[in-house]
Amino acid sequence: MFLSRTNLISWFVKKQTTVAKSSTEAEYRSLSSAISGVQWLHHLLSELHLLQKDPSIIHCDNTFAIALANSPVFHARTKHIEIDYHFISEHIKCGALTISHISSIDQIADILTKPLSP
Protein backbone atom coordinates (compact mmCIF):
# COMPACT_ATOMS: atom_id res chain seq x y z
CA MET A 1 0.00 0.00 0.00
CA PHE A 2 1.41 3.36 -0.97
CA LEU A 3 0.30 6.34 1.05
CA SER A 4 0.88 10.04 0.57
CA ARG A 5 0.52 11.45 4.05
CA THR A 6 -2.60 9.51 5.07
CA ASN A 7 -4.13 9.06 1.60
CA LEU A 8 -3.98 5.74 -0.22
CA ILE A 9 -2.65 6.39 -3.73
CA SER A 10 -1.79 2.88 -4.94
CA TRP A 11 -1.82 -0.72 -3.82
CA PHE A 12 -1.13 -4.17 -5.16
CA VAL A 13 -1.03 -7.77 -4.02
CA LYS A 14 1.34 -10.22 -5.62
CA LYS A 15 1.83 -13.87 -4.81
CA GLN A 16 5.51 -14.70 -4.54
CA THR A 17 6.65 -17.02 -7.31
CA THR A 18 9.21 -18.88 -5.20
CA VAL A 19 8.90 -20.63 -1.88
CA ALA A 20 10.66 -18.71 0.87
CA LYS A 21 12.83 -20.64 3.29
CA SER A 22 11.87 -18.31 6.15
CA SER A 23 9.52 -15.48 7.04
CA THR A 24 12.54 -13.16 6.88
CA GLU A 25 13.17 -14.14 3.27
CA ALA A 26 9.49 -13.68 2.39
CA GLU A 27 9.43 -10.21 3.98
CA TYR A 28 12.73 -9.32 2.32
CA ARG A 29 11.42 -10.27 -1.10
CA SER A 30 8.31 -8.19 -0.35
CA LEU A 31 10.58 -5.23 0.42
CA SER A 32 12.15 -5.61 -3.02
CA SER A 33 8.72 -5.65 -4.62
CA ALA A 34 7.67 -2.57 -2.63
CA ILE A 35 10.79 -0.71 -3.76
CA SER A 36 9.88 -1.44 -7.38
CA GLY A 37 6.47 0.10 -6.69
CA VAL A 38 8.09 3.15 -5.12
CA GLN A 39 10.31 3.55 -8.18
CA TRP A 40 7.26 3.46 -10.45
CA LEU A 41 5.54 6.13 -8.35
CA HIS A 42 8.67 8.30 -8.39
CA HIS A 43 8.77 8.11 -12.20
CA LEU A 44 5.06 8.98 -12.39
CA LEU A 45 5.49 11.96 -10.05
CA SER A 46 8.54 13.06 -12.05
CA GLU A 47 6.46 13.08 -15.25
CA LEU A 48 3.95 15.31 -13.44
CA HIS A 49 6.82 17.56 -12.27
CA LEU A 50 6.15 16.68 -8.64
CA LEU A 51 9.47 15.90 -7.03
CA GLN A 52 9.80 14.24 -3.65
CA LYS A 53 12.49 15.83 -1.49
CA ASP A 54 12.55 13.36 1.40
CA PRO A 55 13.35 9.66 1.11
CA SER A 56 10.44 7.25 0.94
CA ILE A 57 9.78 5.28 4.11
CA ILE A 58 8.91 1.61 3.82
CA HIS A 59 7.43 0.01 6.92
CA CYS A 60 8.28 -3.62 7.66
CA ASP A 61 7.18 -5.73 10.63
CA ASN A 62 10.10 -8.18 10.42
CA THR A 63 13.15 -6.92 12.34
CA PHE A 64 15.45 -9.51 10.76
CA ALA A 65 14.48 -8.38 7.24
CA ILE A 66 15.19 -4.76 8.26
CA ALA A 67 18.57 -5.74 9.70
CA LEU A 68 19.43 -7.64 6.51
CA ALA A 69 18.43 -4.66 4.37
CA ASN A 70 20.53 -2.23 6.40
CA SER A 71 23.56 -4.52 6.72
CA PRO A 72 26.50 -3.69 4.45
CA VAL A 73 27.76 -7.27 4.85
CA PHE A 74 26.39 -9.96 2.55
CA HIS A 75 25.83 -13.20 4.44
CA ALA A 76 26.43 -16.66 2.97
CA ARG A 77 23.09 -17.91 4.35
CA THR A 78 21.27 -15.37 2.19
CA LYS A 79 23.21 -16.00 -1.01
CA HIS A 80 20.10 -17.30 -2.78
CA ILE A 81 18.45 -13.87 -2.47
CA GLU A 82 21.48 -11.96 -3.74
CA ILE A 83 19.71 -9.98 -6.48
CA ASP A 84 17.04 -8.67 -4.09
CA TYR A 85 19.79 -7.87 -1.58
CA HIS A 86 21.75 -5.70 -4.01
CA PHE A 87 18.58 -4.02 -5.29
CA ILE A 88 17.46 -3.03 -1.78
CA SER A 89 20.95 -2.15 -0.57
CA GLU A 90 21.56 0.15 -3.54
CA HIS A 91 18.43 2.20 -2.80
CA ILE A 92 19.24 2.51 0.89
CA LYS A 93 22.85 3.59 0.21
CA CYS A 94 21.85 6.34 -2.21
CA GLY A 95 19.36 7.73 0.33
CA ALA A 96 16.28 7.16 -1.83
CA LEU A 97 14.50 5.31 0.94
CA THR A 98 14.61 4.17 4.52
CA ILE A 99 13.10 1.08 6.08
CA SER A 100 11.49 1.40 9.47
CA HIS A 101 9.95 -1.12 11.84
CA ILE A 102 6.23 -1.21 12.45
CA SER A 103 4.44 -3.64 14.74
CA SER A 104 2.43 -6.42 13.11
CA ILE A 105 -0.75 -4.99 14.63
CA ASP A 106 -0.16 -1.63 12.93
CA GLN A 107 0.89 -3.10 9.56
CA ILE A 108 -2.12 -2.10 7.44
CA ALA A 109 -0.76 -3.81 4.31
CA ASP A 110 -1.30 -7.21 5.96
CA ILE A 111 -5.05 -6.89 5.46
CA LEU A 112 -4.44 -7.56 1.75
CA THR A 113 -2.90 -10.95 2.53
CA LYS A 114 -5.34 -12.33 5.11
CA PRO A 115 -8.66 -14.00 4.39
CA LEU A 116 -11.70 -12.15 5.65
CA SER A 117 -14.06 -14.02 7.94
CA PRO A 118 -17.76 -14.14 7.01
C-alpha atoms as a PDB file:
ATOM      1  CA  MET A   1       0.000   0.000   0.000  1.00  0.00           C
ATOM      2  CA  PHE A   2       1.407   3.357  -0.969  1.00  0.00           C
ATOM      3  CA  LEU A   3       0.297   6.341   1.054  1.00  0.00           C
ATOM      4  CA  SER A   4       0.881  10.041   0.569  1.00  0.00           C
ATOM      5  CA  ARG A   5       0.520  11.449   4.049  1.00  0.00           C
ATOM      6  CA  THR A   6      -2.604   9.511   5.072  1.00  0.00           C
ATOM      7  CA  ASN A   7      -4.132   9.061   1.603  1.00  0.00           C
ATOM      8  CA  LEU A   8      -3.976   5.741  -0.223  1.00  0.00           C
ATOM      9  CA  ILE A   9      -2.652   6.387  -3.730  1.00  0.00           C
ATOM     10  CA  SER A  10      -1.791   2.884  -4.938  1.00  0.00           C
ATOM     11  CA  TRP A  11      -1.823  -0.721  -3.815  1.00  0.00           C
ATOM     12  CA  PHE A  12      -1.127  -4.174  -5.164  1.00  0.00           C
ATOM     13  CA  VAL A  13      -1.026  -7.765  -4.019  1.00  0.00           C
ATOM     14  CA  LYS A  14       1.344 -10.223  -5.619  1.00  0.00           C
ATOM     15  CA  LYS A  15       1.827 -13.872  -4.810  1.00  0.00           C
ATOM     16  CA  GLN A  16       5.510 -14.699  -4.536  1.00  0.00           C
ATOM     17  CA  THR A  17       6.648 -17.023  -7.307  1.00  0.00           C
ATOM     18  CA  THR A  18       9.214 -18.875  -5.196  1.00  0.00           C
ATOM     19  CA  VAL A  19       8.904 -20.633  -1.880  1.00  0.00           C
ATOM     20  CA  ALA A  20      10.660 -18.706   0.869  1.00  0.00           C
ATOM     21  CA  LYS A  21      12.827 -20.640   3.288  1.00  0.00           C
ATOM     22  CA  SER A  22      11.873 -18.313   6.149  1.00  0.00           C
ATOM     23  CA  SER A  23       9.522 -15.480   7.038  1.00  0.00           C
ATOM     24  CA  THR A  24      12.540 -13.157   6.879  1.00  0.00           C
ATOM     25  CA  GLU A  25      13.173 -14.139   3.271  1.00  0.00           C
ATOM     26  CA  ALA A  26       9.490 -13.683   2.388  1.00  0.00           C
ATOM     27  CA  GLU A  27       9.428 -10.215   3.979  1.00  0.00           C
ATOM     28  CA  TYR A  28      12.729  -9.323   2.318  1.00  0.00           C
ATOM     29  CA  ARG A  29      11.416 -10.271  -1.104  1.00  0.00           C
ATOM     30  CA  SER A  30       8.312  -8.189  -0.348  1.00  0.00           C
ATOM     31  CA  LEU A  31      10.584  -5.225   0.417  1.00  0.00           C
ATOM     32  CA  SER A  32      12.154  -5.613  -3.015  1.00  0.00           C
ATOM     33  CA  SER A  33       8.716  -5.650  -4.625  1.00  0.00           C
ATOM     34  CA  ALA A  34       7.674  -2.569  -2.629  1.00  0.00           C
ATOM     35  CA  ILE A  35      10.790  -0.708  -3.762  1.00  0.00           C
ATOM     36  CA  SER A  36       9.880  -1.441  -7.381  1.00  0.00           C
ATOM     37  CA  GLY A  37       6.468   0.096  -6.685  1.00  0.00           C
ATOM     38  CA  VAL A  38       8.088   3.151  -5.116  1.00  0.00           C
ATOM     39  CA  GLN A  39      10.313   3.552  -8.182  1.00  0.00           C
ATOM     40  CA  TRP A  40       7.261   3.457 -10.450  1.00  0.00           C
ATOM     41  CA  LEU A  41       5.538   6.126  -8.350  1.00  0.00           C
ATOM     42  CA  HIS A  42       8.674   8.304  -8.388  1.00  0.00           C
ATOM     43  CA  HIS A  43       8.772   8.114 -12.196  1.00  0.00           C
ATOM     44  CA  LEU A  44       5.062   8.983 -12.386  1.00  0.00           C
ATOM     45  CA  LEU A  45       5.494  11.957 -10.049  1.00  0.00           C
ATOM     46  CA  SER A  46       8.537  13.064 -12.050  1.00  0.00           C
ATOM     47  CA  GLU A  47       6.460  13.081 -15.245  1.00  0.00           C
ATOM     48  CA  LEU A  48       3.951  15.307 -13.437  1.00  0.00           C
ATOM     49  CA  HIS A  49       6.824  17.559 -12.271  1.00  0.00           C
ATOM     50  CA  LEU A  50       6.153  16.675  -8.637  1.00  0.00           C
ATOM     51  CA  LEU A  51       9.471  15.903  -7.028  1.00  0.00           C
ATOM     52  CA  GLN A  52       9.802  14.244  -3.647  1.00  0.00           C
ATOM     53  CA  LYS A  53      12.490  15.835  -1.486  1.00  0.00           C
ATOM     54  CA  ASP A  54      12.550  13.357   1.402  1.00  0.00           C
ATOM     55  CA  PRO A  55      13.353   9.656   1.114  1.00  0.00           C
ATOM     56  CA  SER A  56      10.436   7.250   0.941  1.00  0.00           C
ATOM     57  CA  ILE A  57       9.777   5.279   4.110  1.00  0.00           C
ATOM     58  CA  ILE A  58       8.910   1.607   3.821  1.00  0.00           C
ATOM     59  CA  HIS A  59       7.426   0.008   6.916  1.00  0.00           C
ATOM     60  CA  CYS A  60       8.280  -3.620   7.662  1.00  0.00           C
ATOM     61  CA  ASP A  61       7.177  -5.727  10.629  1.00  0.00           C
ATOM     62  CA  ASN A  62      10.098  -8.175  10.423  1.00  0.00           C
ATOM     63  CA  THR A  63      13.148  -6.922  12.340  1.00  0.00           C
ATOM     64  CA  PHE A  64      15.453  -9.512  10.755  1.00  0.00           C
ATOM     65  CA  ALA A  65      14.478  -8.377   7.245  1.00  0.00           C
ATOM     66  CA  ILE A  66      15.186  -4.763   8.258  1.00  0.00           C
ATOM     67  CA  ALA A  67      18.569  -5.742   9.702  1.00  0.00           C
ATOM     68  CA  LEU A  68      19.429  -7.638   6.513  1.00  0.00           C
ATOM     69  CA  ALA A  69      18.428  -4.657   4.367  1.00  0.00           C
ATOM     70  CA  ASN A  70      20.535  -2.233   6.398  1.00  0.00           C
ATOM     71  CA  SER A  71      23.565  -4.517   6.720  1.00  0.00           C
ATOM     72  CA  PRO A  72      26.502  -3.690   4.449  1.00  0.00           C
ATOM     73  CA  VAL A  73      27.758  -7.270   4.853  1.00  0.00           C
ATOM     74  CA  PHE A  74      26.387  -9.961   2.555  1.00  0.00           C
ATOM     75  CA  HIS A  75      25.831 -13.202   4.442  1.00  0.00           C
ATOM     76  CA  ALA A  76      26.428 -16.664   2.966  1.00  0.00           C
ATOM     77  CA  ARG A  77      23.094 -17.911   4.346  1.00  0.00           C
ATOM     78  CA  THR A  78      21.272 -15.369   2.190  1.00  0.00           C
ATOM     79  CA  LYS A  79      23.208 -15.997  -1.009  1.00  0.00           C
ATOM     80  CA  HIS A  80      20.102 -17.304  -2.783  1.00  0.00           C
ATOM     81  CA  ILE A  81      18.446 -13.872  -2.466  1.00  0.00           C
ATOM     82  CA  GLU A  82      21.483 -11.958  -3.736  1.00  0.00           C
ATOM     83  CA  ILE A  83      19.705  -9.981  -6.482  1.00  0.00           C
ATOM     84  CA  ASP A  84      17.045  -8.674  -4.095  1.00  0.00           C
ATOM     85  CA  TYR A  85      19.787  -7.875  -1.580  1.00  0.00           C
ATOM     86  CA  HIS A  86      21.745  -5.701  -4.010  1.00  0.00           C
ATOM     87  CA  PHE A  87      18.575  -4.016  -5.292  1.00  0.00           C
ATOM     88  CA  ILE A  88      17.458  -3.029  -1.781  1.00  0.00           C
ATOM     89  CA  SER A  89      20.948  -2.152  -0.575  1.00  0.00           C
ATOM     90  CA  GLU A  90      21.555   0.149  -3.539  1.00  0.00           C
ATOM     91  CA  HIS A  91      18.430   2.200  -2.799  1.00  0.00           C
ATOM     92  CA  ILE A  92      19.238   2.515   0.895  1.00  0.00           C
ATOM     93  CA  LYS A  93      22.847   3.588   0.212  1.00  0.00           C
ATOM     94  CA  CYS A  94      21.847   6.345  -2.207  1.00  0.00           C
ATOM     95  CA  GLY A  95      19.356   7.729   0.330  1.00  0.00           C
ATOM     96  CA  ALA A  96      16.283   7.163  -1.834  1.00  0.00           C
ATOM     97  CA  LEU A  97      14.497   5.310   0.944  1.00  0.00           C
ATOM     98  CA  THR A  98      14.611   4.166   4.522  1.00  0.00           C
ATOM     99  CA  ILE A  99      13.102   1.083   6.075  1.00  0.00           C
ATOM    100  CA  SER A 100      11.490   1.399   9.472  1.00  0.00           C
ATOM    101  CA  HIS A 101       9.952  -1.117  11.837  1.00  0.00           C
ATOM    102  CA  ILE A 102       6.225  -1.214  12.446  1.00  0.00           C
ATOM    103  CA  SER A 103       4.444  -3.639  14.741  1.00  0.00           C
ATOM    104  CA  SER A 104       2.430  -6.419  13.108  1.00  0.00           C
ATOM    105  CA  ILE A 105      -0.753  -4.995  14.629  1.00  0.00           C
ATOM    106  CA  ASP A 106      -0.162  -1.631  12.933  1.00  0.00           C
ATOM    107  CA  GLN A 107       0.888  -3.100   9.561  1.00  0.00           C
ATOM    108  CA  ILE A 108      -2.121  -2.100   7.439  1.00  0.00           C
ATOM    109  CA  ALA A 109      -0.757  -3.814   4.308  1.00  0.00           C
ATOM    110  CA  ASP A 110      -1.295  -7.214   5.958  1.00  0.00           C
ATOM    111  CA  ILE A 111      -5.053  -6.890   5.456  1.00  0.00           C
ATOM    112  CA  LEU A 112      -4.443  -7.563   1.751  1.00  0.00           C
ATOM    113  CA  THR A 113      -2.897 -10.952   2.529  1.00  0.00           C
ATOM    114  CA  LYS A 114      -5.336 -12.327   5.105  1.00  0.00           C
ATOM    115  CA  PRO A 115      -8.664 -14.005   4.386  1.00  0.00           C
ATOM    116  CA  LEU A 116     -11.702 -12.146   5.650  1.00  0.00           C
ATOM    117  CA  SER A 117     -14.055 -14.020   7.938  1.00  0.00           C
ATOM    118  CA  PRO A 118     -17.761 -14.143   7.015  1.00  0.00           C
END
